[in-house]
Amino acid sequence: MTESQWQGEDFAVDTSEIGGLAVTRVTGEVDLAGVEVMRTELDAQLARRPPVLVADLTGVTILGSLGIAALLDAHHRAVAAGMGFTVVASRRSVVHPLRLTEVDRVLTVVPTLDQVVVG
């Protein structure tokens, strides 16, 4: 897989292959300014059809409602294509909104990337 990367002043997205999985790492604030970049990268990875797409949000400082919607969309598209989709998140600023909205009941959310790669 070819690595891809996008970086702005306070936001970055890059994708690489780790253990046969497509891992899209997002850092910064996933809000109005950053969500479209994240969505575009997730869409590009879904088009490649990896067995599992991982959204690594351990570097995300704020996850807004648009970011949650983008994750749900990616999840539904992955499932429809027979792929797995996992979110890696450990910061309260990301985990709390996922729990509060009960999105963590729909998405597979784990605290570390090792749990996805090894598991």
N, C-alpha and C. Protein backbone atom coordinates (compact mmCIF):
# COMPACT_ATOMS: atom_id res chain seq x y z
N MET A 1 0.84 -1.17 0.00
CA MET A 1 0.00 0.00 0.00
C MET A 1 0.88 1.24 0.00
N THR A 2 0.49 2.21 -0.74
CA THR A 2 1.20 3.48 -0.77
C THR A 2 0.77 4.31 0.43
N GLU A 3 1.73 4.89 1.09
CA GLU A 3 1.40 5.75 2.21
C GLU A 3 0.87 7.08 1.68
N SER A 4 -0.08 7.66 2.41
CA SER A 4 -0.58 8.97 2.04
C SER A 4 -0.55 9.86 3.27
N GLN A 5 -0.48 11.16 3.02
CA GLN A 5 -0.32 12.09 4.13
C GLN A 5 -0.90 13.44 3.77
N TRP A 6 -1.51 14.09 4.76
CA TRP A 6 -1.98 15.47 4.64
C TRP A 6 -1.68 16.15 5.96
N GLN A 7 -1.12 17.34 5.89
CA GLN A 7 -0.79 18.05 7.11
C GLN A 7 -1.11 19.53 6.96
N GLY A 8 -1.79 20.05 7.96
CA GLY A 8 -2.08 21.47 8.03
C GLY A 8 -1.43 22.04 9.27
N GLU A 9 -1.86 23.23 9.65
CA GLU A 9 -1.25 23.89 10.81
C GLU A 9 -1.52 23.15 12.11
N ASP A 10 -2.75 22.75 12.36
CA ASP A 10 -3.12 22.10 13.62
C ASP A 10 -3.78 20.74 13.41
N PHE A 11 -3.60 20.15 12.25
CA PHE A 11 -4.32 18.92 11.93
C PHE A 11 -3.49 18.11 10.94
N ALA A 12 -3.45 16.81 11.12
CA ALA A 12 -2.72 15.95 10.19
C ALA A 12 -3.41 14.60 10.05
N VAL A 13 -3.31 14.04 8.86
CA VAL A 13 -3.84 12.70 8.58
C VAL A 13 -2.80 11.98 7.75
N ASP A 14 -2.47 10.75 8.15
CA ASP A 14 -1.60 9.94 7.31
C ASP A 14 -2.04 8.48 7.42
N THR A 15 -1.80 7.74 6.36
CA THR A 15 -2.17 6.33 6.33
C THR A 15 -0.96 5.51 5.97
N SER A 16 -0.81 4.40 6.67
CA SER A 16 0.26 3.46 6.37
C SER A 16 -0.26 2.05 6.63
N GLU A 17 0.50 1.08 6.18
CA GLU A 17 0.12 -0.31 6.41
C GLU A 17 0.91 -0.84 7.60
N ILE A 18 0.20 -1.42 8.54
CA ILE A 18 0.83 -2.02 9.72
C ILE A 18 0.22 -3.41 9.90
N GLY A 19 1.04 -4.42 9.80
CA GLY A 19 0.55 -5.78 9.99
C GLY A 19 -0.56 -6.16 9.03
N GLY A 20 -0.51 -5.65 7.82
CA GLY A 20 -1.53 -5.95 6.82
C GLY A 20 -2.80 -5.13 6.93
N LEU A 21 -2.84 -4.22 7.89
CA LEU A 21 -4.01 -3.37 8.09
C LEU A 21 -3.73 -1.96 7.59
N ALA A 22 -4.75 -1.30 7.05
CA ALA A 22 -4.63 0.11 6.68
C ALA A 22 -4.92 0.93 7.94
N VAL A 23 -3.93 1.69 8.38
CA VAL A 23 -4.07 2.48 9.60
C VAL A 23 -4.01 3.97 9.23
N THR A 24 -5.13 4.64 9.40
CA THR A 24 -5.21 6.08 9.16
C THR A 24 -5.09 6.78 10.50
N ARG A 25 -3.98 7.50 10.68
CA ARG A 25 -3.72 8.23 11.92
C ARG A 25 -4.18 9.67 11.75
N VAL A 26 -4.95 10.12 12.72
CA VAL A 26 -5.46 11.49 12.70
C VAL A 26 -4.94 12.19 13.95
N THR A 27 -4.42 13.40 13.78
CA THR A 27 -3.98 14.19 14.93
C THR A 27 -4.57 15.59 14.84
N GLY A 28 -4.85 16.16 16.01
CA GLY A 28 -5.41 17.50 16.06
C GLY A 28 -6.90 17.49 16.33
N GLU A 29 -7.56 18.53 15.89
CA GLU A 29 -8.99 18.71 16.14
C GLU A 29 -9.81 18.24 14.94
N VAL A 30 -10.70 17.28 15.19
CA VAL A 30 -11.60 16.81 14.13
C VAL A 30 -12.90 17.61 14.28
N ASP A 31 -12.89 18.77 13.66
CA ASP A 31 -14.02 19.68 13.70
C ASP A 31 -14.35 20.08 12.27
N LEU A 32 -15.01 21.18 12.11
CA LEU A 32 -15.42 21.63 10.78
C LEU A 32 -14.24 21.73 9.81
N ALA A 33 -13.11 22.20 10.29
CA ALA A 33 -11.94 22.38 9.41
C ALA A 33 -11.27 21.06 9.06
N GLY A 34 -11.22 20.12 9.98
CA GLY A 34 -10.47 18.89 9.74
C GLY A 34 -11.27 17.70 9.27
N VAL A 35 -12.56 17.73 9.47
CA VAL A 35 -13.36 16.53 9.19
C VAL A 35 -13.33 16.13 7.73
N GLU A 36 -13.34 17.07 6.81
CA GLU A 36 -13.36 16.70 5.39
C GLU A 36 -12.07 16.02 4.96
N VAL A 37 -10.95 16.44 5.53
CA VAL A 37 -9.68 15.78 5.22
C VAL A 37 -9.71 14.34 5.74
N MET A 38 -10.20 14.16 6.97
CA MET A 38 -10.30 12.81 7.53
C MET A 38 -11.24 11.96 6.68
N ARG A 39 -12.40 12.51 6.35
CA ARG A 39 -13.38 11.77 5.55
C ARG A 39 -12.81 11.38 4.18
N THR A 40 -12.11 12.31 3.55
CA THR A 40 -11.51 12.03 2.23
C THR A 40 -10.50 10.90 2.32
N GLU A 41 -9.68 10.91 3.36
CA GLU A 41 -8.67 9.85 3.51
C GLU A 41 -9.34 8.51 3.83
N LEU A 42 -10.34 8.51 4.70
CA LEU A 42 -11.05 7.26 4.99
C LEU A 42 -11.72 6.72 3.73
N ASP A 43 -12.32 7.60 2.94
CA ASP A 43 -12.93 7.19 1.67
C ASP A 43 -11.91 6.56 0.73
N ALA A 44 -10.73 7.17 0.64
CA ALA A 44 -9.68 6.64 -0.23
C ALA A 44 -9.24 5.26 0.23
N GLN A 45 -9.14 5.08 1.53
CA GLN A 45 -8.73 3.76 2.04
C GLN A 45 -9.84 2.73 1.85
N LEU A 46 -11.08 3.12 2.03
CA LEU A 46 -12.19 2.19 1.79
C LEU A 46 -12.21 1.74 0.33
N ALA A 47 -11.87 2.62 -0.58
CA ALA A 47 -11.83 2.27 -2.00
C ALA A 47 -10.75 1.23 -2.29
N ARG A 48 -9.71 1.20 -1.47
CA ARG A 48 -8.64 0.20 -1.64
C ARG A 48 -9.04 -1.17 -1.10
N ARG A 49 -10.07 -1.21 -0.28
CA ARG A 49 -10.64 -2.44 0.27
C ARG A 49 -9.64 -3.27 1.07
N PRO A 50 -9.01 -2.69 2.09
CA PRO A 50 -8.18 -3.51 2.96
C PRO A 50 -9.08 -4.42 3.80
N PRO A 51 -8.57 -5.51 4.33
CA PRO A 51 -9.42 -6.37 5.15
C PRO A 51 -9.97 -5.63 6.38
N VAL A 52 -9.14 -4.75 6.93
CA VAL A 52 -9.55 -3.94 8.08
C VAL A 52 -8.99 -2.53 7.90
N LEU A 53 -9.84 -1.55 8.13
CA LEU A 53 -9.41 -0.15 8.14
C LEU A 53 -9.45 0.32 9.59
N VAL A 54 -8.35 0.87 10.04
CA VAL A 54 -8.23 1.35 11.41
C VAL A 54 -8.14 2.87 11.40
N ALA A 55 -9.01 3.52 12.16
CA ALA A 55 -8.92 4.97 12.36
C ALA A 55 -8.27 5.19 13.71
N ASP A 56 -6.99 5.56 13.69
CA ASP A 56 -6.23 5.78 14.92
C ASP A 56 -6.41 7.23 15.35
N LEU A 57 -7.21 7.43 16.38
CA LEU A 57 -7.53 8.77 16.87
C LEU A 57 -6.79 9.10 18.16
N THR A 58 -5.72 8.37 18.47
CA THR A 58 -5.01 8.62 19.72
C THR A 58 -4.38 10.01 19.76
N GLY A 59 -4.19 10.64 18.62
CA GLY A 59 -3.64 11.99 18.57
C GLY A 59 -4.68 13.07 18.42
N VAL A 60 -5.95 12.70 18.46
CA VAL A 60 -7.04 13.67 18.30
C VAL A 60 -7.30 14.36 19.63
N THR A 61 -7.39 15.68 19.60
CA THR A 61 -7.64 16.45 20.82
C THR A 61 -9.11 16.84 20.98
N ILE A 62 -9.83 16.98 19.89
CA ILE A 62 -11.26 17.29 19.93
C ILE A 62 -11.96 16.47 18.85
N LEU A 63 -13.05 15.80 19.22
CA LEU A 63 -13.86 15.07 18.25
C LEU A 63 -15.26 15.64 18.28
N GLY A 64 -15.61 16.39 17.23
CA GLY A 64 -16.93 17.00 17.14
C GLY A 64 -17.95 16.08 16.49
N SER A 65 -19.17 16.53 16.42
CA SER A 65 -20.26 15.72 15.88
C SER A 65 -20.04 15.36 14.42
N LEU A 66 -19.42 16.24 13.65
CA LEU A 66 -19.14 15.92 12.25
C LEU A 66 -18.11 14.80 12.14
N GLY A 67 -17.16 14.77 13.05
CA GLY A 67 -16.18 13.69 13.09
C GLY A 67 -16.82 12.37 13.44
N ILE A 68 -17.74 12.39 14.40
CA ILE A 68 -18.46 11.17 14.77
C ILE A 68 -19.27 10.67 13.59
N ALA A 69 -19.94 11.58 12.89
CA ALA A 69 -20.73 11.19 11.71
C ALA A 69 -19.84 10.58 10.63
N ALA A 70 -18.64 11.13 10.44
CA ALA A 70 -17.71 10.59 9.43
C ALA A 70 -17.26 9.19 9.82
N LEU A 71 -17.03 8.95 11.11
CA LEU A 71 -16.64 7.61 11.56
C LEU A 71 -17.78 6.62 11.35
N LEU A 72 -19.00 7.02 11.66
CA LEU A 72 -20.15 6.14 11.44
C LEU A 72 -20.33 5.81 9.97
N ASP A 73 -20.16 6.81 9.12
CA ASP A 73 -20.28 6.59 7.68
C ASP A 73 -19.22 5.60 7.20
N ALA A 74 -17.99 5.78 7.64
CA ALA A 74 -16.91 4.87 7.24
C ALA A 74 -17.20 3.45 7.74
N HIS A 75 -17.69 3.35 8.96
CA HIS A 75 -18.03 2.03 9.52
C HIS A 75 -19.10 1.34 8.67
N HIS A 76 -20.17 2.04 8.38
CA HIS A 76 -21.27 1.44 7.60
C HIS A 76 -20.80 1.03 6.21
N ARG A 77 -19.98 1.85 5.58
CA ARG A 77 -19.46 1.52 4.26
C ARG A 77 -18.52 0.32 4.32
N ALA A 78 -17.70 0.26 5.35
CA ALA A 78 -16.78 -0.88 5.51
C ALA A 78 -17.56 -2.18 5.70
N VAL A 79 -18.55 -2.15 6.56
CA VAL A 79 -19.36 -3.34 6.82
C VAL A 79 -20.08 -3.78 5.54
N ALA A 80 -20.64 -2.83 4.81
CA ALA A 80 -21.34 -3.16 3.56
C ALA A 80 -20.40 -3.80 2.54
N ALA A 81 -19.12 -3.46 2.61
CA ALA A 81 -18.13 -4.01 1.67
C ALA A 81 -17.45 -5.27 2.22
N GLY A 82 -17.89 -5.73 3.39
CA GLY A 82 -17.31 -6.93 3.97
C GLY A 82 -15.96 -6.70 4.64
N MET A 83 -15.69 -5.47 5.02
CA MET A 83 -14.42 -5.11 5.66
C MET A 83 -14.65 -4.83 7.13
N GLY A 84 -13.57 -4.87 7.89
CA GLY A 84 -13.63 -4.48 9.28
C GLY A 84 -13.29 -3.00 9.43
N PHE A 85 -13.78 -2.39 10.49
CA PHE A 85 -13.47 -0.99 10.78
C PHE A 85 -13.33 -0.85 12.28
N THR A 86 -12.18 -0.37 12.72
CA THR A 86 -11.91 -0.23 14.15
C THR A 86 -11.39 1.17 14.43
N VAL A 87 -11.83 1.72 15.54
CA VAL A 87 -11.37 3.03 16.00
C VAL A 87 -10.46 2.83 17.20
N VAL A 88 -9.29 3.46 17.16
CA VAL A 88 -8.38 3.44 18.30
C VAL A 88 -8.48 4.80 18.97
N ALA A 89 -8.88 4.80 20.24
CA ALA A 89 -9.05 6.07 20.96
C ALA A 89 -8.83 5.82 22.44
N SER A 90 -8.09 6.72 23.06
CA SER A 90 -7.85 6.59 24.50
C SER A 90 -8.07 7.90 25.25
N ARG A 91 -8.03 9.02 24.55
CA ARG A 91 -8.22 10.31 25.22
C ARG A 91 -9.68 10.52 25.58
N ARG A 92 -9.88 11.09 26.74
CA ARG A 92 -11.24 11.37 27.20
C ARG A 92 -11.98 12.26 26.20
N SER A 93 -11.29 13.19 25.58
CA SER A 93 -11.92 14.12 24.64
C SER A 93 -12.47 13.42 23.40
N VAL A 94 -12.06 12.19 23.17
CA VAL A 94 -12.58 11.40 22.05
C VAL A 94 -13.52 10.31 22.55
N VAL A 95 -13.10 9.59 23.58
CA VAL A 95 -13.90 8.47 24.09
C VAL A 95 -15.22 8.96 24.69
N HIS A 96 -15.18 10.07 25.41
CA HIS A 96 -16.40 10.56 26.07
C HIS A 96 -17.52 10.88 25.07
N PRO A 97 -17.26 11.63 23.98
CA PRO A 97 -18.34 11.88 23.02
C PRO A 97 -18.86 10.59 22.37
N LEU A 98 -17.98 9.62 22.15
CA LEU A 98 -18.43 8.35 21.57
C LEU A 98 -19.35 7.60 22.53
N ARG A 99 -19.02 7.65 23.82
CA ARG A 99 -19.87 7.00 24.83
C ARG A 99 -21.16 7.76 25.04
N LEU A 100 -21.06 9.08 25.13
CA LEU A 100 -22.22 9.92 25.38
C LEU A 100 -23.29 9.75 24.30
N THR A 101 -22.85 9.63 23.06
CA THR A 101 -23.77 9.46 21.93
C THR A 101 -24.10 7.99 21.67
N GLU A 102 -23.50 7.10 22.46
CA GLU A 102 -23.66 5.64 22.33
C GLU A 102 -23.15 5.11 21.00
N VAL A 103 -22.31 5.86 20.34
CA VAL A 103 -21.69 5.41 19.10
C VAL A 103 -20.71 4.28 19.39
N ASP A 104 -20.18 4.24 20.62
CA ASP A 104 -19.28 3.15 20.99
C ASP A 104 -19.98 1.79 21.00
N ARG A 105 -21.30 1.79 20.94
CA ARG A 105 -22.05 0.53 20.84
C ARG A 105 -22.13 0.04 19.39
N VAL A 106 -21.88 0.94 18.46
CA VAL A 106 -21.91 0.61 17.03
C VAL A 106 -20.49 0.33 16.52
N LEU A 107 -19.57 1.21 16.88
CA LEU A 107 -18.19 1.09 16.43
C LEU A 107 -17.39 0.18 17.36
N THR A 108 -16.40 -0.49 16.80
CA THR A 108 -15.42 -1.19 17.63
C THR A 108 -14.38 -0.16 18.03
N VAL A 109 -14.30 0.11 19.34
CA VAL A 109 -13.37 1.11 19.86
C VAL A 109 -12.42 0.42 20.84
N VAL A 110 -11.13 0.55 20.59
CA VAL A 110 -10.11 -0.02 21.46
C VAL A 110 -9.14 1.08 21.87
N PRO A 111 -8.47 0.93 23.03
CA PRO A 111 -7.60 2.01 23.49
C PRO A 111 -6.20 2.06 22.87
N THR A 112 -5.73 0.95 22.29
CA THR A 112 -4.38 0.96 21.72
C THR A 112 -4.35 0.27 20.35
N LEU A 113 -3.44 0.71 19.52
CA LEU A 113 -3.26 0.11 18.20
C LEU A 113 -2.79 -1.33 18.32
N ASP A 114 -2.00 -1.64 19.34
CA ASP A 114 -1.52 -3.01 19.54
C ASP A 114 -2.68 -4.00 19.65
N GLN A 115 -3.78 -3.58 20.24
CA GLN A 115 -4.93 -4.48 20.38
C GLN A 115 -5.54 -4.85 19.03
N VAL A 116 -5.38 -4.01 18.05
CA VAL A 116 -5.90 -4.30 16.71
C VAL A 116 -4.89 -5.14 15.93
N VAL A 117 -3.63 -4.74 15.97
CA VAL A 117 -2.60 -5.41 15.18
C VAL A 117 -2.34 -6.82 15.69
N VAL A 118 -2.27 -6.99 17.01
CA VAL A 118 -2.01 -8.30 17.59
C VAL A 118 -3.27 -9.15 17.61
N GLY A 119 -4.41 -8.50 17.91
CA GLY A 119 -5.67 -9.22 18.08
C GLY A 119 -6.19 -9.70 16.80
